[in-house]
N, C-alpha and C. Protein backbone atom coordinates (compact mmCIF):
# COMPACT_ATOMS: atom_id res chain seq x y z
N MET A 1 58.64 -27.26 33.72
CA MET A 1 57.90 -26.16 33.15
C MET A 1 58.28 -24.88 33.87
N LEU A 2 58.56 -23.82 33.07
CA LEU A 2 58.95 -22.54 33.65
C LEU A 2 57.72 -21.74 34.04
N LYS A 3 57.83 -21.10 35.18
CA LYS A 3 56.75 -20.25 35.65
C LYS A 3 57.18 -18.80 35.50
N HIS A 4 56.37 -17.98 34.83
CA HIS A 4 56.70 -16.57 34.67
C HIS A 4 56.04 -15.79 35.80
N ASN A 5 56.77 -14.79 36.27
CA ASN A 5 56.22 -13.91 37.29
C ASN A 5 55.37 -12.84 36.61
N LEU A 6 54.07 -12.96 36.71
CA LEU A 6 53.15 -12.03 36.08
C LEU A 6 52.74 -10.89 37.00
N GLN A 7 53.44 -10.75 38.12
CA GLN A 7 53.12 -9.70 39.07
C GLN A 7 54.32 -8.78 39.26
N PRO A 8 54.53 -7.84 38.32
CA PRO A 8 55.65 -6.92 38.49
C PRO A 8 55.45 -6.03 39.70
N PHE A 9 56.47 -5.83 40.45
CA PHE A 9 56.47 -5.00 41.66
C PHE A 9 55.48 -5.49 42.69
N GLY A 10 55.08 -6.73 42.63
CA GLY A 10 54.16 -7.31 43.60
C GLY A 10 52.72 -6.84 43.44
N ILE A 11 52.40 -6.20 42.33
CA ILE A 11 51.04 -5.69 42.08
C ILE A 11 50.24 -6.82 41.43
N PRO A 12 49.05 -7.11 41.94
CA PRO A 12 48.22 -8.14 41.30
C PRO A 12 47.94 -7.79 39.84
N MET A 13 47.93 -8.80 39.00
CA MET A 13 47.76 -8.60 37.56
C MET A 13 46.44 -7.90 37.24
N GLU A 14 45.39 -8.18 37.95
CA GLU A 14 44.10 -7.54 37.71
C GLU A 14 44.20 -6.03 37.93
N LEU A 15 44.88 -5.64 39.00
CA LEU A 15 45.02 -4.22 39.30
C LEU A 15 45.92 -3.55 38.26
N LEU A 16 46.96 -4.23 37.82
CA LEU A 16 47.84 -3.68 36.80
C LEU A 16 47.09 -3.49 35.48
N THR A 17 46.27 -4.46 35.12
CA THR A 17 45.45 -4.33 33.91
C THR A 17 44.49 -3.16 34.03
N LEU A 18 43.90 -3.01 35.20
CA LEU A 18 42.98 -1.91 35.46
C LEU A 18 43.69 -0.57 35.31
N VAL A 19 44.89 -0.46 35.80
CA VAL A 19 45.66 0.78 35.69
C VAL A 19 45.99 1.07 34.22
N VAL A 20 46.37 0.05 33.47
CA VAL A 20 46.69 0.25 32.05
C VAL A 20 45.44 0.70 31.29
N VAL A 21 44.33 0.04 31.51
CA VAL A 21 43.08 0.41 30.82
C VAL A 21 42.65 1.82 31.24
N SER A 22 42.75 2.12 32.51
CA SER A 22 42.36 3.45 32.99
C SER A 22 43.27 4.53 32.42
N THR A 23 44.55 4.24 32.30
CA THR A 23 45.48 5.20 31.71
C THR A 23 45.14 5.46 30.24
N ALA A 24 44.82 4.41 29.52
CA ALA A 24 44.42 4.57 28.11
C ALA A 24 43.12 5.38 28.02
N MET A 25 42.19 5.10 28.91
CA MET A 25 40.92 5.82 28.92
C MET A 25 41.14 7.30 29.26
N LEU A 26 42.05 7.57 30.19
CA LEU A 26 42.37 8.95 30.56
C LEU A 26 43.04 9.69 29.40
N LEU A 27 43.89 9.00 28.68
CA LEU A 27 44.54 9.59 27.52
C LEU A 27 43.51 9.94 26.44
N VAL A 28 42.59 9.02 26.18
CA VAL A 28 41.54 9.27 25.19
C VAL A 28 40.66 10.46 25.62
N ALA A 29 40.29 10.50 26.90
CA ALA A 29 39.47 11.60 27.40
C ALA A 29 40.20 12.93 27.27
N SER A 30 41.50 12.94 27.52
CA SER A 30 42.29 14.17 27.40
C SER A 30 42.34 14.65 25.96
N VAL A 31 42.54 13.74 25.03
CA VAL A 31 42.56 14.10 23.61
C VAL A 31 41.19 14.63 23.19
N MET A 32 40.13 14.01 23.68
CA MET A 32 38.78 14.46 23.35
C MET A 32 38.54 15.88 23.90
N LEU A 33 38.96 16.14 25.13
CA LEU A 33 38.79 17.47 25.72
C LEU A 33 39.53 18.51 24.88
N TRP A 34 40.77 18.21 24.52
CA TRP A 34 41.56 19.13 23.71
C TRP A 34 40.88 19.37 22.36
N SER A 35 40.36 18.32 21.76
CA SER A 35 39.69 18.42 20.46
C SER A 35 38.43 19.28 20.55
N HIS A 36 37.66 19.13 21.61
CA HIS A 36 36.44 19.92 21.78
C HIS A 36 36.77 21.41 21.93
N VAL A 37 37.81 21.71 22.71
CA VAL A 37 38.20 23.11 22.90
C VAL A 37 38.68 23.70 21.58
N ARG A 38 39.48 22.95 20.84
CA ARG A 38 39.97 23.41 19.54
C ARG A 38 38.79 23.68 18.59
N ASP A 39 37.85 22.75 18.52
CA ASP A 39 36.68 22.92 17.64
C ASP A 39 35.85 24.12 18.05
N TRP A 40 35.66 24.31 19.36
CA TRP A 40 34.85 25.43 19.84
C TRP A 40 35.49 26.75 19.44
N ARG A 41 36.81 26.85 19.57
CA ARG A 41 37.50 28.09 19.16
C ARG A 41 37.31 28.35 17.67
N ILE A 42 37.38 27.30 16.87
CA ILE A 42 37.17 27.44 15.43
C ILE A 42 35.75 27.94 15.14
N PHE A 43 34.76 27.36 15.83
CA PHE A 43 33.37 27.78 15.61
C PHE A 43 33.15 29.22 16.05
N GLN A 44 33.81 29.63 17.13
CA GLN A 44 33.65 31.01 17.60
C GLN A 44 34.19 32.01 16.58
N GLN A 45 35.25 31.66 15.89
CA GLN A 45 35.89 32.56 14.94
C GLN A 45 35.29 32.45 13.54
N ALA A 46 34.42 31.48 13.31
CA ALA A 46 33.90 31.23 11.97
C ALA A 46 32.83 32.21 11.54
N GLY A 47 32.31 33.02 12.43
CA GLY A 47 31.27 33.97 12.07
C GLY A 47 29.94 33.30 11.77
N LEU A 48 29.58 32.30 12.55
CA LEU A 48 28.33 31.58 12.36
C LEU A 48 27.15 32.44 12.78
N ASP A 49 25.96 32.13 12.24
CA ASP A 49 24.77 32.85 12.68
C ASP A 49 24.43 32.44 14.11
N ALA A 50 23.53 33.18 14.73
CA ALA A 50 23.23 33.00 16.16
C ALA A 50 22.71 31.60 16.46
N GLU A 51 21.85 31.08 15.59
CA GLU A 51 21.27 29.75 15.83
C GLU A 51 22.34 28.65 15.78
N GLU A 52 23.20 28.72 14.78
CA GLU A 52 24.27 27.73 14.63
C GLU A 52 25.27 27.83 15.79
N LEU A 53 25.62 29.05 16.18
CA LEU A 53 26.56 29.24 17.29
C LEU A 53 25.97 28.72 18.60
N ASP A 54 24.66 28.92 18.80
CA ASP A 54 24.00 28.41 20.00
C ASP A 54 24.03 26.88 20.02
N TYR A 55 23.75 26.26 18.87
CA TYR A 55 23.82 24.80 18.79
C TYR A 55 25.24 24.32 19.12
N ARG A 56 26.22 24.97 18.52
CA ARG A 56 27.62 24.57 18.75
C ARG A 56 28.03 24.79 20.20
N ARG A 57 27.52 25.84 20.86
CA ARG A 57 27.84 26.10 22.28
C ARG A 57 27.27 24.98 23.15
N ARG A 58 26.01 24.62 22.91
CA ARG A 58 25.40 23.54 23.69
C ARG A 58 26.08 22.21 23.42
N GLN A 59 26.46 21.97 22.16
CA GLN A 59 27.19 20.75 21.82
C GLN A 59 28.53 20.71 22.54
N PHE A 60 29.25 21.83 22.56
CA PHE A 60 30.53 21.92 23.25
C PHE A 60 30.37 21.59 24.73
N ARG A 61 29.35 22.16 25.35
CA ARG A 61 29.11 21.92 26.78
C ARG A 61 28.81 20.45 27.06
N ARG A 62 27.97 19.84 26.25
CA ARG A 62 27.66 18.41 26.43
C ARG A 62 28.89 17.54 26.26
N ARG A 63 29.63 17.80 25.20
CA ARG A 63 30.78 16.96 24.90
C ARG A 63 31.92 17.15 25.89
N MET A 64 32.10 18.38 26.36
CA MET A 64 33.13 18.61 27.39
C MET A 64 32.76 17.87 28.68
N GLN A 65 31.49 17.93 29.04
CA GLN A 65 31.05 17.25 30.25
C GLN A 65 31.21 15.74 30.10
N THR A 66 30.87 15.19 28.95
CA THR A 66 31.01 13.75 28.72
C THR A 66 32.47 13.33 28.78
N SER A 67 33.34 14.08 28.11
CA SER A 67 34.76 13.73 28.10
C SER A 67 35.38 13.88 29.49
N ALA A 68 34.98 14.92 30.22
CA ALA A 68 35.50 15.10 31.58
C ALA A 68 35.03 13.96 32.49
N MET A 69 33.78 13.54 32.32
CA MET A 69 33.28 12.42 33.12
C MET A 69 34.04 11.13 32.81
N LEU A 70 34.37 10.91 31.53
CA LEU A 70 35.17 9.74 31.17
C LEU A 70 36.54 9.80 31.84
N GLY A 71 37.13 10.99 31.86
CA GLY A 71 38.41 11.16 32.53
C GLY A 71 38.31 10.90 34.02
N LEU A 72 37.26 11.41 34.64
CA LEU A 72 37.06 11.16 36.08
C LEU A 72 36.82 9.68 36.36
N LEU A 73 36.07 9.02 35.49
CA LEU A 73 35.86 7.58 35.65
C LEU A 73 37.18 6.82 35.52
N ALA A 74 38.02 7.28 34.60
CA ALA A 74 39.32 6.63 34.40
C ALA A 74 40.19 6.75 35.64
N ILE A 75 40.09 7.87 36.34
CA ILE A 75 40.87 8.07 37.57
C ILE A 75 40.21 7.33 38.73
N ALA A 76 38.88 7.42 38.81
CA ALA A 76 38.16 6.84 39.95
C ALA A 76 38.22 5.32 39.98
N LEU A 77 38.27 4.69 38.83
CA LEU A 77 38.24 3.23 38.78
C LEU A 77 39.41 2.59 39.52
N PRO A 78 40.66 2.87 39.19
CA PRO A 78 41.75 2.22 39.94
C PRO A 78 41.85 2.72 41.37
N VAL A 79 41.56 4.01 41.58
CA VAL A 79 41.62 4.54 42.95
C VAL A 79 40.57 3.87 43.83
N GLY A 80 39.36 3.77 43.31
CA GLY A 80 38.27 3.16 44.08
C GLY A 80 38.51 1.69 44.36
N ILE A 81 39.00 0.96 43.35
CA ILE A 81 39.29 -0.46 43.57
C ILE A 81 40.42 -0.62 44.57
N GLY A 82 41.43 0.23 44.45
CA GLY A 82 42.54 0.19 45.42
C GLY A 82 42.06 0.47 46.83
N LEU A 83 41.19 1.48 46.99
CA LEU A 83 40.65 1.79 48.31
C LEU A 83 39.76 0.66 48.83
N THR A 84 39.03 0.03 47.93
CA THR A 84 38.18 -1.09 48.32
C THR A 84 39.03 -2.23 48.87
N ILE A 85 40.13 -2.51 48.19
CA ILE A 85 41.03 -3.57 48.66
C ILE A 85 41.66 -3.18 49.99
N TRP A 86 42.07 -1.93 50.12
CA TRP A 86 42.75 -1.47 51.33
C TRP A 86 41.78 -1.36 52.51
N LEU A 87 40.57 -0.82 52.29
CA LEU A 87 39.61 -0.63 53.37
C LEU A 87 38.87 -1.92 53.75
N ARG A 88 38.68 -2.79 52.78
CA ARG A 88 37.93 -4.03 52.99
C ARG A 88 36.56 -3.78 53.63
N SER A 89 35.89 -2.79 53.05
CA SER A 89 34.57 -2.42 53.57
C SER A 89 33.53 -2.69 52.50
N GLY A 90 32.53 -3.45 52.87
CA GLY A 90 31.44 -3.74 51.95
C GLY A 90 30.64 -2.49 51.62
N TRP A 91 30.47 -1.61 52.59
CA TRP A 91 29.71 -0.39 52.36
C TRP A 91 30.44 0.53 51.39
N PHE A 92 31.75 0.66 51.55
CA PHE A 92 32.50 1.50 50.63
C PHE A 92 32.39 0.95 49.21
N PHE A 93 32.53 -0.37 49.08
CA PHE A 93 32.43 -0.99 47.77
C PHE A 93 31.06 -0.75 47.15
N LEU A 94 30.00 -0.86 47.96
CA LEU A 94 28.64 -0.64 47.49
C LEU A 94 28.47 0.79 46.98
N PHE A 95 28.90 1.77 47.78
CA PHE A 95 28.75 3.17 47.38
C PHE A 95 29.65 3.52 46.19
N PHE A 96 30.83 2.91 46.15
CA PHE A 96 31.73 3.10 45.02
C PHE A 96 31.07 2.59 43.73
N CYS A 97 30.53 1.39 43.78
CA CYS A 97 29.88 0.81 42.59
C CYS A 97 28.66 1.63 42.17
N LEU A 98 27.86 2.07 43.14
CA LEU A 98 26.70 2.91 42.81
C LEU A 98 27.14 4.23 42.17
N GLY A 99 28.18 4.83 42.70
CA GLY A 99 28.70 6.07 42.14
C GLY A 99 29.20 5.87 40.71
N MET A 100 29.90 4.78 40.47
CA MET A 100 30.41 4.49 39.12
C MET A 100 29.24 4.24 38.16
N ILE A 101 28.24 3.51 38.61
CA ILE A 101 27.08 3.24 37.77
C ILE A 101 26.34 4.53 37.43
N LEU A 102 26.16 5.40 38.42
CA LEU A 102 25.50 6.69 38.16
C LEU A 102 26.30 7.54 37.17
N ALA A 103 27.62 7.55 37.33
CA ALA A 103 28.47 8.33 36.42
C ALA A 103 28.39 7.78 34.99
N VAL A 104 28.41 6.47 34.85
CA VAL A 104 28.31 5.86 33.52
C VAL A 104 26.93 6.14 32.92
N CYS A 105 25.88 6.07 33.73
CA CYS A 105 24.53 6.38 33.24
C CYS A 105 24.45 7.83 32.78
N TRP A 106 25.10 8.75 33.51
CA TRP A 106 25.10 10.16 33.12
C TRP A 106 25.82 10.35 31.78
N VAL A 107 26.94 9.67 31.60
CA VAL A 107 27.68 9.74 30.33
C VAL A 107 26.80 9.20 29.19
N ILE A 108 26.13 8.10 29.43
CA ILE A 108 25.25 7.53 28.41
C ILE A 108 24.10 8.47 28.09
N LEU A 109 23.50 9.07 29.12
CA LEU A 109 22.41 10.02 28.91
C LEU A 109 22.89 11.22 28.09
N LEU A 110 24.06 11.76 28.42
CA LEU A 110 24.60 12.88 27.66
C LEU A 110 24.87 12.49 26.20
N ALA A 111 25.35 11.28 26.01
CA ALA A 111 25.60 10.80 24.64
C ALA A 111 24.29 10.69 23.85
N ILE A 112 23.25 10.19 24.48
CA ILE A 112 21.95 10.06 23.82
C ILE A 112 21.39 11.44 23.48
N VAL A 113 21.49 12.38 24.42
CA VAL A 113 21.01 13.74 24.17
C VAL A 113 21.81 14.37 23.03
N ASP A 114 23.12 14.14 22.99
CA ASP A 114 23.95 14.68 21.92
C ASP A 114 23.56 14.09 20.57
N ILE A 115 23.32 12.80 20.54
CA ILE A 115 22.90 12.15 19.29
C ILE A 115 21.57 12.74 18.80
N CYS A 116 20.61 12.88 19.71
CA CYS A 116 19.29 13.42 19.33
C CYS A 116 19.41 14.87 18.87
N ALA A 117 20.18 15.68 19.58
CA ALA A 117 20.34 17.08 19.20
C ALA A 117 21.04 17.21 17.86
N THR A 118 22.02 16.37 17.63
CA THR A 118 22.74 16.41 16.36
C THR A 118 21.83 16.00 15.20
N ARG A 119 21.06 14.95 15.40
CA ARG A 119 20.12 14.51 14.35
C ARG A 119 19.09 15.60 14.05
N ARG A 120 18.56 16.21 15.11
CA ARG A 120 17.55 17.26 14.93
C ARG A 120 18.16 18.46 14.21
N HIS A 121 19.36 18.86 14.63
CA HIS A 121 20.02 20.02 14.03
C HIS A 121 20.31 19.79 12.55
N PHE A 122 20.93 18.65 12.24
CA PHE A 122 21.28 18.40 10.85
C PHE A 122 20.06 18.05 10.00
N GLY A 123 19.00 17.55 10.62
CA GLY A 123 17.75 17.37 9.90
C GLY A 123 17.17 18.71 9.49
N ARG A 124 17.25 19.68 10.40
CA ARG A 124 16.78 21.04 10.10
C ARG A 124 17.64 21.68 9.01
N VAL A 125 18.96 21.50 9.11
CA VAL A 125 19.86 22.04 8.08
C VAL A 125 19.57 21.38 6.73
N HIS A 126 19.34 20.08 6.74
CA HIS A 126 19.02 19.37 5.49
C HIS A 126 17.72 19.90 4.89
N ASP A 127 16.71 20.10 5.75
CA ASP A 127 15.44 20.63 5.26
C ASP A 127 15.62 22.02 4.66
N GLN A 128 16.44 22.88 5.30
CA GLN A 128 16.69 24.22 4.78
C GLN A 128 17.39 24.15 3.42
N HIS A 129 18.36 23.26 3.30
CA HIS A 129 19.06 23.12 2.02
C HIS A 129 18.13 22.57 0.94
N LEU A 130 17.29 21.62 1.31
CA LEU A 130 16.34 21.07 0.35
C LEU A 130 15.36 22.15 -0.12
N LEU A 131 14.87 22.95 0.81
CA LEU A 131 13.96 24.04 0.46
C LEU A 131 14.66 25.05 -0.46
N GLU A 132 15.89 25.38 -0.15
CA GLU A 132 16.65 26.30 -0.99
C GLU A 132 16.87 25.71 -2.38
N LYS A 133 17.16 24.42 -2.44
CA LYS A 133 17.35 23.74 -3.73
C LYS A 133 16.06 23.79 -4.56
N LEU A 134 14.93 23.52 -3.89
CA LEU A 134 13.65 23.56 -4.60
C LEU A 134 13.34 24.97 -5.11
N LYS A 135 13.64 25.99 -4.32
CA LYS A 135 13.43 27.37 -4.75
C LYS A 135 14.30 27.69 -5.97
N LEU A 136 15.55 27.29 -5.91
CA LEU A 136 16.44 27.54 -7.04
C LEU A 136 15.99 26.79 -8.29
N GLU A 137 15.54 25.57 -8.10
CA GLU A 137 15.04 24.77 -9.23
C GLU A 137 13.79 25.43 -9.84
N ALA A 138 12.89 25.92 -9.00
CA ALA A 138 11.69 26.59 -9.51
C ALA A 138 12.08 27.87 -10.24
N GLU A 139 13.05 28.61 -9.70
CA GLU A 139 13.52 29.83 -10.37
C GLU A 139 14.14 29.51 -11.72
N ARG A 140 14.92 28.45 -11.79
CA ARG A 140 15.54 28.03 -13.06
C ARG A 140 14.46 27.68 -14.08
N ARG A 141 13.43 26.94 -13.64
CA ARG A 141 12.34 26.57 -14.56
C ARG A 141 11.60 27.81 -15.07
N ARG A 142 11.37 28.77 -14.18
CA ARG A 142 10.69 30.00 -14.58
C ARG A 142 11.52 30.74 -15.63
N ARG A 143 12.82 30.82 -15.40
CA ARG A 143 13.69 31.51 -16.35
C ARG A 143 13.74 30.78 -17.69
N GLU A 144 13.81 29.44 -17.64
CA GLU A 144 13.81 28.68 -18.89
C GLU A 144 12.50 28.86 -19.65
N ALA A 145 11.38 28.85 -18.91
CA ALA A 145 10.07 29.05 -19.55
C ALA A 145 9.98 30.45 -20.14
N ALA A 146 10.50 31.43 -19.40
CA ALA A 146 10.46 32.82 -19.90
C ALA A 146 11.34 32.95 -21.13
N ALA A 147 12.51 32.32 -21.12
CA ALA A 147 13.42 32.38 -22.27
C ALA A 147 12.78 31.67 -23.47
N LYS A 148 12.14 30.56 -23.25
CA LYS A 148 11.48 29.82 -24.33
C LYS A 148 10.32 30.63 -24.88
N SER A 149 9.58 31.27 -23.99
CA SER A 149 8.47 32.12 -24.41
C SER A 149 8.97 33.30 -25.23
N ASP A 150 10.10 33.89 -24.82
CA ASP A 150 10.68 35.00 -25.57
C ASP A 150 11.13 34.54 -26.95
N ARG A 151 11.74 33.37 -27.03
CA ARG A 151 12.18 32.84 -28.33
C ARG A 151 10.99 32.58 -29.24
N ASN A 152 9.93 32.02 -28.70
CA ASN A 152 8.73 31.74 -29.50
C ASN A 152 8.09 33.04 -29.98
N SER A 153 8.02 34.04 -29.12
CA SER A 153 7.40 35.30 -29.53
C SER A 153 8.28 36.02 -30.54
N ASP A 154 9.60 35.91 -30.44
CA ASP A 154 10.51 36.49 -31.43
C ASP A 154 10.38 35.76 -32.76
N GLY A 155 10.27 34.45 -32.72
CA GLY A 155 10.11 33.65 -33.95
C GLY A 155 8.79 33.95 -34.64
N ASP A 156 7.72 34.17 -33.86
CA ASP A 156 6.41 34.49 -34.44
C ASP A 156 6.44 35.85 -35.11
N SER A 157 7.10 36.84 -34.52
CA SER A 157 7.13 38.17 -35.08
C SER A 157 7.97 38.22 -36.34
N LEU A 158 8.98 37.35 -36.46
CA LEU A 158 9.80 37.32 -37.66
C LEU A 158 9.05 36.66 -38.82
N GLN A 159 8.19 35.71 -38.55
CA GLN A 159 7.49 34.99 -39.61
C GLN A 159 6.30 35.77 -40.15
N SER A 160 5.67 36.57 -39.35
CA SER A 160 4.50 37.29 -39.85
C SER A 160 4.93 38.63 -40.45
N PRO A 161 4.56 38.89 -41.77
CA PRO A 161 4.95 40.14 -42.44
C PRO A 161 4.07 41.32 -42.12
């Protein structure tokens, strides 16, 4: 039976997998950061009203912070594990794990806040559109009733000599 060497350059396979996953995570975070900056520039030039621009500014800040934290986590993960292996310190490992857990909790909290803010914002926009639709519908009915009333009054005046 042939044995394959699964440790290129003498790097343990677990650490190599961690580096690959972290690199992919860093790439995704970089694309997200670029996308947020691009979107923010578009919103700034779109001539939005003050309320919408304020929402978009706060959204940009939350999403940039979340994406940057993902990028930092992507870098910290292999570096921290490598230092843990090299230092062989239980205390370092403990503080490293606590730091990673706090960072992940912060990312999750920002994501939850973003979800809630987005739902609230678009709920408000939906309500405004619904109100506008109802106003337009009421105006249409008034005009139709007025037109019908005008036709009836014109028909009555033509029939009576």
